[in-house]
Amino acid sequence: ATCNGESVLAAGTFGLCDGKAPTLNGVVASPLFPDAGVTS
């Protein structure tokens, strides 16, 4: 669950992404969001 080598956030976003986070009309499902990997 990384974007440009940096971890995405537990809020369901890309996080910092080394300053190049994509514009997202949606959420990022990962082992961090929304339910410790159940959904992802």
All heavy atoms as atom14 arrays in JSON, in Angstrom:
{
  "sequence": "ATCNGESVLAAGTFGLCDGKAPTLNGVVASPLFPDAGVTS",
  "atom14_mask": [
    [1, 1, 1, 1, 1, 0, 0, 0, 0, 0, 0, 0, 0, 0],
    [1, 1, 1, 1, 1, 1, 1, 0, 0, 0, 0, 0, 0, 0],
    [1, 1, 1, 1, 1, 1, 0, 0, 0, 0, 0, 0, 0, 0],
    [1, 1, 1, 1, 1, 1, 1, 1, 0, 0, 0, 0, 0, 0],
    [1, 1, 1, 1, 0, 0, 0, 0, 0, 0, 0, 0, 0, 0],
    [1, 1, 1, 1, 1, 1, 1, 1, 1, 0, 0, 0, 0, 0],
    [1, 1, 1, 1, 1, 1, 0, 0, 0, 0, 0, 0, 0, 0],
    [1, 1, 1, 1, 1, 1, 1, 0, 0, 0, 0, 0, 0, 0],
    [1, 1, 1, 1, 1, 1, 1, 1, 0, 0, 0, 0, 0, 0],
    [1, 1, 1, 1, 1, 0, 0, 0, 0, 0, 0, 0, 0, 0],
    [1, 1, 1, 1, 1, 0, 0, 0, 0, 0, 0, 0, 0, 0],
    [1, 1, 1, 1, 0, 0, 0, 0, 0, 0, 0, 0, 0, 0],
    [1, 1, 1, 1, 1, 1, 1, 0, 0, 0, 0, 0, 0, 0],
    [1, 1, 1, 1, 1, 1, 1, 1, 1, 1, 1, 0, 0, 0],
    [1, 1, 1, 1, 0, 0, 0, 0, 0, 0, 0, 0, 0, 0],
    [1, 1, 1, 1, 1, 1, 1, 1, 0, 0, 0, 0, 0, 0],
    [1, 1, 1, 1, 1, 1, 0, 0, 0, 0, 0, 0, 0, 0],
    [1, 1, 1, 1, 1, 1, 1, 1, 0, 0, 0, 0, 0, 0],
    [1, 1, 1, 1, 0, 0, 0, 0, 0, 0, 0, 0, 0, 0],
    [1, 1, 1, 1, 1, 1, 1, 1, 1, 0, 0, 0, 0, 0],
    [1, 1, 1, 1, 1, 0, 0, 0, 0, 0, 0, 0, 0, 0],
    [1, 1, 1, 1, 1, 1, 1, 0, 0, 0, 0, 0, 0, 0],
    [1, 1, 1, 1, 1, 1, 1, 0, 0, 0, 0, 0, 0, 0],
    [1, 1, 1, 1, 1, 1, 1, 1, 0, 0, 0, 0, 0, 0],
    [1, 1, 1, 1, 1, 1, 1, 1, 0, 0, 0, 0, 0, 0],
    [1, 1, 1, 1, 0, 0, 0, 0, 0, 0, 0, 0, 0, 0],
    [1, 1, 1, 1, 1, 1, 1, 0, 0, 0, 0, 0, 0, 0],
    [1, 1, 1, 1, 1, 1, 1, 0, 0, 0, 0, 0, 0, 0],
    [1, 1, 1, 1, 1, 0, 0, 0, 0, 0, 0, 0, 0, 0],
    [1, 1, 1, 1, 1, 1, 0, 0, 0, 0, 0, 0, 0, 0],
    [1, 1, 1, 1, 1, 1, 1, 0, 0, 0, 0, 0, 0, 0],
    [1, 1, 1, 1, 1, 1, 1, 1, 0, 0, 0, 0, 0, 0],
    [1, 1, 1, 1, 1, 1, 1, 1, 1, 1, 1, 0, 0, 0],
    [1, 1, 1, 1, 1, 1, 1, 0, 0, 0, 0, 0, 0, 0],
    [1, 1, 1, 1, 1, 1, 1, 1, 0, 0, 0, 0, 0, 0],
    [1, 1, 1, 1, 1, 0, 0, 0, 0, 0, 0, 0, 0, 0],
    [1, 1, 1, 1, 0, 0, 0, 0, 0, 0, 0, 0, 0, 0],
    [1, 1, 1, 1, 1, 1, 1, 0, 0, 0, 0, 0, 0, 0],
    [1, 1, 1, 1, 1, 1, 1, 0, 0, 0, 0, 0, 0, 0],
    [1, 1, 1, 1, 1, 1, 0, 0, 0, 0, 0, 0, 0, 0]
  ],
  "atom14_positions": [
    [[0.84, -1.2, 0.0], [0.0, 0.0, 0.0], [0.87, 1.24, 0.0], [0.89, 2.02, 0.95], [-0.94, -0.01, 1.2], [0.0, 0.0, 0.0], [0.0, 0.0, 0.0], [0.0, 0.0, 0.0], [0.0, 0.0, 0.0], [0.0, 0.0, 0.0], [0.0, 0.0, 0.0], [0.0, 0.0, 0.0], [0.0, 0.0, 0.0], [0.0, 0.0, 0.0]],
    [[1.63, 1.44, -1.1], [2.51, 2.59, -1.19], [2.27, 3.37, -2.47], [1.83, 2.83, -3.49], [4.0, 2.16, -1.17], [4.26, 1.3, -2.29], [4.34, 1.45, 0.13], [0.0, 0.0, 0.0], [0.0, 0.0, 0.0], [0.0, 0.0, 0.0], [0.0, 0.0, 0.0], [0.0, 0.0, 0.0], [0.0, 0.0, 0.0], [0.0, 0.0, 0.0]],
    [[2.55, 4.67, -2.39], [2.48, 5.58, -3.54], [3.82, 6.31, -3.6], [4.17, 7.04, -2.66], [1.33, 6.56, -3.37], [1.15, 7.76, -4.73], [0.0, 0.0, 0.0], [0.0, 0.0, 0.0], [0.0, 0.0, 0.0], [0.0, 0.0, 0.0], [0.0, 0.0, 0.0], [0.0, 0.0, 0.0], [0.0, 0.0, 0.0], [0.0, 0.0, 0.0]],
    [[4.56, 6.11, -4.68], [5.92, 6.64, -4.79], [6.78, 6.27, -3.59], [7.56, 7.07, -3.07], [5.9, 8.16, -4.99], [5.46, 8.56, -6.39], [5.54, 7.76, -7.32], [4.97, 9.77, -6.54], [0.0, 0.0, 0.0], [0.0, 0.0, 0.0], [0.0, 0.0, 0.0], [0.0, 0.0, 0.0], [0.0, 0.0, 0.0], [0.0, 0.0, 0.0]],
    [[6.61, 5.05, -3.13], [7.42, 4.53, -2.04], [7.0, 4.95, -0.65], [7.59, 4.5, 0.33], [0.0, 0.0, 0.0], [0.0, 0.0, 0.0], [0.0, 0.0, 0.0], [0.0, 0.0, 0.0], [0.0, 0.0, 0.0], [0.0, 0.0, 0.0], [0.0, 0.0, 0.0], [0.0, 0.0, 0.0], [0.0, 0.0, 0.0], [0.0, 0.0, 0.0]],
    [[5.95, 5.78, -0.55], [5.47, 6.23, 0.75], [4.12, 5.58, 1.05], [3.29, 5.41, 0.16], [5.34, 7.75, 0.79], [6.67, 8.46, 0.56], [6.54, 9.97, 0.65], [5.4, 10.46, 0.86], [7.56, 10.66, 0.52], [0.0, 0.0, 0.0], [0.0, 0.0, 0.0], [0.0, 0.0, 0.0], [0.0, 0.0, 0.0], [0.0, 0.0, 0.0]],
    [[3.9, 5.25, 2.31], [2.67, 4.57, 2.7], [1.45, 5.46, 2.45], [1.48, 6.68, 2.67], [2.73, 4.2, 4.18], [1.51, 3.6, 4.59], [0.0, 0.0, 0.0], [0.0, 0.0, 0.0], [0.0, 0.0, 0.0], [0.0, 0.0, 0.0], [0.0, 0.0, 0.0], [0.0, 0.0, 0.0], [0.0, 0.0, 0.0], [0.0, 0.0, 0.0]],
    [[0.38, 4.84, 1.97], [-0.89, 5.55, 1.9], [-1.42, 5.74, 3.32], [-0.86, 5.19, 4.28], [-1.91, 4.8, 1.03], [-1.38, 4.62, -0.39], [-2.27, 3.44, 1.62], [0.0, 0.0, 0.0], [0.0, 0.0, 0.0], [0.0, 0.0, 0.0], [0.0, 0.0, 0.0], [0.0, 0.0, 0.0], [0.0, 0.0, 0.0], [0.0, 0.0, 0.0]],
    [[-2.52, 6.5, 3.45], [-3.01, 6.84, 4.78], [-4.2, 5.98, 5.19], [-4.94, 5.46, 4.35], [-3.42, 8.31, 4.82], [-2.31, 9.33, 4.54], [-2.84, 10.75, 4.71], [-1.1, 9.1, 5.43], [0.0, 0.0, 0.0], [0.0, 0.0, 0.0], [0.0, 0.0, 0.0], [0.0, 0.0, 0.0], [0.0, 0.0, 0.0], [0.0, 0.0, 0.0]],
    [[-4.37, 5.87, 6.5], [-5.49, 5.12, 7.06], [-6.82, 5.82, 6.84], [-7.88, 5.27, 7.15], [-5.27, 4.88, 8.55], [0.0, 0.0, 0.0], [0.0, 0.0, 0.0], [0.0, 0.0, 0.0], [0.0, 0.0, 0.0], [0.0, 0.0, 0.0], [0.0, 0.0, 0.0], [0.0, 0.0, 0.0], [0.0, 0.0, 0.0], [0.0, 0.0, 0.0]],
    [[-6.78, 7.03, 6.28], [-8.01, 7.77, 5.97], [-8.55, 7.41, 4.59], [-9.57, 7.96, 4.16], [-7.75, 9.27, 6.05], [0.0, 0.0, 0.0], [0.0, 0.0, 0.0], [0.0, 0.0, 0.0], [0.0, 0.0, 0.0], [0.0, 0.0, 0.0], [0.0, 0.0, 0.0], [0.0, 0.0, 0.0], [0.0, 0.0, 0.0], [0.0, 0.0, 0.0]],
    [[-7.86, 6.51, 3.87], [-8.34, 6.12, 2.55], [-7.9, 7.04, 1.44], [-8.55, 7.13, 0.4], [0.0, 0.0, 0.0], [0.0, 0.0, 0.0], [0.0, 0.0, 0.0], [0.0, 0.0, 0.0], [0.0, 0.0, 0.0], [0.0, 0.0, 0.0], [0.0, 0.0, 0.0], [0.0, 0.0, 0.0], [0.0, 0.0, 0.0], [0.0, 0.0, 0.0]],
    [[-6.75, 7.73, 1.64], [-6.2, 8.61, 0.61], [-4.78, 8.16, 0.27], [-4.2, 7.3, 0.93], [-6.16, 10.07, 1.09], [-5.24, 10.18, 2.19], [-7.54, 10.53, 1.52], [0.0, 0.0, 0.0], [0.0, 0.0, 0.0], [0.0, 0.0, 0.0], [0.0, 0.0, 0.0], [0.0, 0.0, 0.0], [0.0, 0.0, 0.0], [0.0, 0.0, 0.0]],
    [[-4.18, 8.78, -0.78], [-2.84, 8.42, -1.19], [-1.77, 8.93, -0.23], [-0.63, 8.47, -0.27], [-2.55, 8.98, -2.59], [-3.15, 8.16, -3.69], [-4.1, 8.7, -4.52], [-2.77, 6.85, -3.91], [-4.66, 7.97, -5.56], [-3.32, 6.1, -4.94], [-4.26, 6.66, -5.77], [0.0, 0.0, 0.0], [0.0, 0.0, 0.0], [0.0, 0.0, 0.0]],
    [[-2.13, 9.89, 0.62], [-1.12, 10.47, 1.5], [-0.19, 11.39, 0.73], [-0.55, 11.93, -0.31], [0.0, 0.0, 0.0], [0.0, 0.0, 0.0], [0.0, 0.0, 0.0], [0.0, 0.0, 0.0], [0.0, 0.0, 0.0], [0.0, 0.0, 0.0], [0.0, 0.0, 0.0], [0.0, 0.0, 0.0], [0.0, 0.0, 0.0], [0.0, 0.0, 0.0]],
    [[1.04, 11.56, 1.22], [1.99, 12.5, 0.62], [2.43, 12.07, -0.77], [2.6, 12.9, -1.67], [3.2, 12.67, 1.53], [2.92, 13.3, 2.9], [4.19, 13.35, 3.73], [2.32, 14.69, 2.74], [0.0, 0.0, 0.0], [0.0, 0.0, 0.0], [0.0, 0.0, 0.0], [0.0, 0.0, 0.0], [0.0, 0.0, 0.0], [0.0, 0.0, 0.0]],
    [[2.71, 10.79, -0.96], [3.09, 10.27, -2.27], [4.27, 11.05, -2.86], [4.29, 11.34, -4.06], [1.89, 10.28, -3.22], [2.11, 9.31, -4.73], [0.0, 0.0, 0.0], [0.0, 0.0, 0.0], [0.0, 0.0, 0.0], [0.0, 0.0, 0.0], [0.0, 0.0, 0.0], [0.0, 0.0, 0.0], [0.0, 0.0, 0.0], [0.0, 0.0, 0.0]],
    [[5.2, 11.42, -2.01], [6.39, 12.16, -2.43], [6.03, 13.43, -3.2], [6.7, 13.83, -4.15], [7.27, 11.26, -3.31], [8.68, 11.84, -3.5], [9.15, 12.56, -2.59], [9.29, 11.58, -4.55], [0.0, 0.0, 0.0], [0.0, 0.0, 0.0], [0.0, 0.0, 0.0], [0.0, 0.0, 0.0], [0.0, 0.0, 0.0], [0.0, 0.0, 0.0]],
    [[4.9, 14.06, -2.79], [4.48, 15.31, -3.41], [3.79, 15.17, -4.74], [3.49, 16.17, -5.4], [0.0, 0.0, 0.0], [0.0, 0.0, 0.0], [0.0, 0.0, 0.0], [0.0, 0.0, 0.0], [0.0, 0.0, 0.0], [0.0, 0.0, 0.0], [0.0, 0.0, 0.0], [0.0, 0.0, 0.0], [0.0, 0.0, 0.0], [0.0, 0.0, 0.0]],
    [[3.47, 13.93, -5.17], [2.85, 13.73, -6.48], [1.63, 12.82, -6.38], [1.43, 11.93, -7.2], [3.87, 13.12, -7.45], [5.07, 14.02, -7.71], [6.02, 13.36, -8.66], [7.22, 14.29, -8.9], [8.48, 13.68, -8.58], [0.0, 0.0, 0.0], [0.0, 0.0, 0.0], [0.0, 0.0, 0.0], [0.0, 0.0, 0.0], [0.0, 0.0, 0.0]],
    [[0.81, 13.03, -5.38], [-0.38, 12.21, -5.22], [-1.38, 12.47, -6.34], [-1.66, 13.63, -6.67], [-1.04, 12.5, -3.87], [0.0, 0.0, 0.0], [0.0, 0.0, 0.0], [0.0, 0.0, 0.0], [0.0, 0.0, 0.0], [0.0, 0.0, 0.0], [0.0, 0.0, 0.0], [0.0, 0.0, 0.0], [0.0, 0.0, 0.0], [0.0, 0.0, 0.0]],
    [[-1.93, 11.43, -6.97], [-2.97, 11.63, -7.98], [-4.22, 12.27, -7.37], [-4.5, 12.1, -6.19], [-3.27, 10.2, -8.46], [-2.08, 9.4, -8.08], [-1.57, 10.01, -6.81], [0.0, 0.0, 0.0], [0.0, 0.0, 0.0], [0.0, 0.0, 0.0], [0.0, 0.0, 0.0], [0.0, 0.0, 0.0], [0.0, 0.0, 0.0], [0.0, 0.0, 0.0]],
    [[-4.96, 13.0, -8.2], [-6.29, 13.47, -7.8], [-7.23, 12.28, -7.83], [-7.33, 11.59, -8.86], [-6.78, 14.56, -8.76], [-5.89, 15.67, -8.69], [-8.19, 15.01, -8.4], [0.0, 0.0, 0.0], [0.0, 0.0, 0.0], [0.0, 0.0, 0.0], [0.0, 0.0, 0.0], [0.0, 0.0, 0.0], [0.0, 0.0, 0.0], [0.0, 0.0, 0.0]],
    [[-7.9, 12.04, -6.73], [-8.71, 10.82, -6.6], [-10.16, 11.16, -6.3], [-10.46, 11.79, -5.3], [-8.15, 9.94, -5.48], [-8.92, 8.66, -5.16], [-8.92, 7.72, -6.36], [-8.33, 7.97, -3.94], [0.0, 0.0, 0.0], [0.0, 0.0, 0.0], [0.0, 0.0, 0.0], [0.0, 0.0, 0.0], [0.0, 0.0, 0.0], [0.0, 0.0, 0.0]],
    [[-11.05, 10.74, -7.19], [-12.49, 10.82, -6.96], [-12.96, 9.44, -6.51], [-13.59, 8.69, -7.26], [-13.21, 11.29, -8.22], [-12.84, 12.7, -8.6], [-12.94, 13.61, -7.79], [-12.37, 12.9, -9.83], [0.0, 0.0, 0.0], [0.0, 0.0, 0.0], [0.0, 0.0, 0.0], [0.0, 0.0, 0.0], [0.0, 0.0, 0.0], [0.0, 0.0, 0.0]],
    [[-12.61, 9.11, -5.29], [-12.88, 7.79, -4.73], [-12.07, 7.62, -3.47], [-11.64, 8.6, -2.84], [0.0, 0.0, 0.0], [0.0, 0.0, 0.0], [0.0, 0.0, 0.0], [0.0, 0.0, 0.0], [0.0, 0.0, 0.0], [0.0, 0.0, 0.0], [0.0, 0.0, 0.0], [0.0, 0.0, 0.0], [0.0, 0.0, 0.0], [0.0, 0.0, 0.0]],
    [[-11.81, 6.39, -3.07], [-11.02, 6.09, -1.88], [-9.96, 5.06, -2.23], [-10.06, 4.37, -3.25], [-11.89, 5.55, -0.72], [-12.93, 6.58, -0.29], [-12.56, 4.23, -1.11], [0.0, 0.0, 0.0], [0.0, 0.0, 0.0], [0.0, 0.0, 0.0], [0.0, 0.0, 0.0], [0.0, 0.0, 0.0], [0.0, 0.0, 0.0], [0.0, 0.0, 0.0]],
    [[-8.94, 4.98, -1.37], [-7.89, 3.97, -1.52], [-8.15, 2.88, -0.48], [-8.01, 3.11, 0.73], [-6.49, 4.57, -1.31], [-5.44, 3.47, -1.42], [-6.22, 5.67, -2.33], [0.0, 0.0, 0.0], [0.0, 0.0, 0.0], [0.0, 0.0, 0.0], [0.0, 0.0, 0.0], [0.0, 0.0, 0.0], [0.0, 0.0, 0.0], [0.0, 0.0, 0.0]],
    [[-8.54, 1.71, -0.94], [-8.71, 0.56, -0.05], [-7.36, -0.13, 0.09], [-6.66, -0.35, -0.91], [-9.75, -0.4, -0.58], [0.0, 0.0, 0.0], [0.0, 0.0, 0.0], [0.0, 0.0, 0.0], [0.0, 0.0, 0.0], [0.0, 0.0, 0.0], [0.0, 0.0, 0.0], [0.0, 0.0, 0.0], [0.0, 0.0, 0.0], [0.0, 0.0, 0.0]],
    [[-6.99, -0.46, 1.3], [-5.68, -1.06, 1.56], [-5.75, -1.79, 2.89], [-6.77, -1.75, 3.59], [-4.61, 0.03, 1.61], [-4.72, 0.77, 2.83], [0.0, 0.0, 0.0], [0.0, 0.0, 0.0], [0.0, 0.0, 0.0], [0.0, 0.0, 0.0], [0.0, 0.0, 0.0], [0.0, 0.0, 0.0], [0.0, 0.0, 0.0], [0.0, 0.0, 0.0]],
    [[-4.64, -2.45, 3.3], [-4.62, -3.05, 4.64], [-4.77, -2.03, 5.76], [-4.98, -2.4, 6.92], [-3.25, -3.74, 4.69], [-2.98, -4.08, 3.26], [-3.5, -2.91, 2.48], [0.0, 0.0, 0.0], [0.0, 0.0, 0.0], [0.0, 0.0, 0.0], [0.0, 0.0, 0.0], [0.0, 0.0, 0.0], [0.0, 0.0, 0.0], [0.0, 0.0, 0.0]],
    [[-4.7, -0.72, 5.41], [-4.86, 0.35, 6.4], [-6.27, 0.93, 6.42], [-6.64, 1.61, 7.38], [-3.86, 1.48, 6.12], [-2.38, 1.1, 6.15], [-1.52, 2.26, 5.68], [-1.98, 0.66, 7.55], [0.0, 0.0, 0.0], [0.0, 0.0, 0.0], [0.0, 0.0, 0.0], [0.0, 0.0, 0.0], [0.0, 0.0, 0.0], [0.0, 0.0, 0.0]],
    [[-7.05, 0.72, 5.36], [-8.38, 1.33, 5.24], [-9.27, 0.43, 4.4], [-8.83, -0.11, 3.37], [-8.26, 2.71, 4.58], [-9.6, 3.38, 4.34], [-10.18, 4.15, 5.34], [-10.26, 3.24, 3.13], [-11.41, 4.76, 5.12], [-11.48, 3.84, 2.91], [-12.06, 4.62, 3.91], [0.0, 0.0, 0.0], [0.0, 0.0, 0.0], [0.0, 0.0, 0.0]],
    [[-10.55, 0.24, 4.75], [-11.22, 0.82, 5.93], [-11.27, -0.12, 7.13], [-11.71, 0.29, 8.19], [-12.63, 1.06, 5.4], [-12.84, -0.09, 4.46], [-11.51, -0.34, 3.8], [0.0, 0.0, 0.0], [0.0, 0.0, 0.0], [0.0, 0.0, 0.0], [0.0, 0.0, 0.0], [0.0, 0.0, 0.0], [0.0, 0.0, 0.0], [0.0, 0.0, 0.0]],
    [[-10.8, -1.38, 6.94], [-11.05, -2.39, 7.98], [-9.92, -3.41, 8.05], [-10.16, -4.62, 7.99], [-12.39, -3.08, 7.73], [-12.57, -3.47, 6.27], [-11.56, -3.56, 5.54], [-13.72, -3.67, 5.84], [0.0, 0.0, 0.0], [0.0, 0.0, 0.0], [0.0, 0.0, 0.0], [0.0, 0.0, 0.0], [0.0, 0.0, 0.0], [0.0, 0.0, 0.0]],
    [[-8.69, -2.9, 8.14], [-7.52, -3.76, 8.34], [-7.38, -4.85, 7.28], [-7.0, -5.97, 7.57], [-7.55, -4.37, 9.74], [0.0, 0.0, 0.0], [0.0, 0.0, 0.0], [0.0, 0.0, 0.0], [0.0, 0.0, 0.0], [0.0, 0.0, 0.0], [0.0, 0.0, 0.0], [0.0, 0.0, 0.0], [0.0, 0.0, 0.0], [0.0, 0.0, 0.0]],
    [[-7.68, -4.5, 6.04], [-7.45, -5.42, 4.94], [-8.6, -6.33, 4.57], [-8.49, -7.08, 3.59], [0.0, 0.0, 0.0], [0.0, 0.0, 0.0], [0.0, 0.0, 0.0], [0.0, 0.0, 0.0], [0.0, 0.0, 0.0], [0.0, 0.0, 0.0], [0.0, 0.0, 0.0], [0.0, 0.0, 0.0], [0.0, 0.0, 0.0], [0.0, 0.0, 0.0]],
    [[-9.7, -6.29, 5.3], [-10.83, -7.15, 4.97], [-11.4, -6.76, 3.6], [-11.56, -7.6, 2.7], [-11.92, -7.07, 6.05], [-13.15, -7.87, 5.61], [-11.39, -7.59, 7.38], [0.0, 0.0, 0.0], [0.0, 0.0, 0.0], [0.0, 0.0, 0.0], [0.0, 0.0, 0.0], [0.0, 0.0, 0.0], [0.0, 0.0, 0.0], [0.0, 0.0, 0.0]],
    [[-11.67, -5.46, 3.41], [-12.23, -5.0, 2.14], [-11.22, -5.12, 1.02], [-11.53, -5.65, -0.06], [-12.71, -3.55, 2.27], [-13.82, -3.49, 3.17], [-13.14, -2.99, 0.91], [0.0, 0.0, 0.0], [0.0, 0.0, 0.0], [0.0, 0.0, 0.0], [0.0, 0.0, 0.0], [0.0, 0.0, 0.0], [0.0, 0.0, 0.0], [0.0, 0.0, 0.0]],
    [[-10.0, -4.63, 1.24], [-9.0, -4.68, 0.16], [-8.69, -6.11, -0.24], [-8.51, -6.41, -1.43], [-7.72, -3.95, 0.58], [-7.13, -4.55, 1.71], [0.0, 0.0, 0.0], [0.0, 0.0, 0.0], [0.0, 0.0, 0.0], [0.0, 0.0, 0.0], [0.0, 0.0, 0.0], [0.0, 0.0, 0.0], [0.0, 0.0, 0.0], [0.0, 0.0, 0.0]]
  ]
}
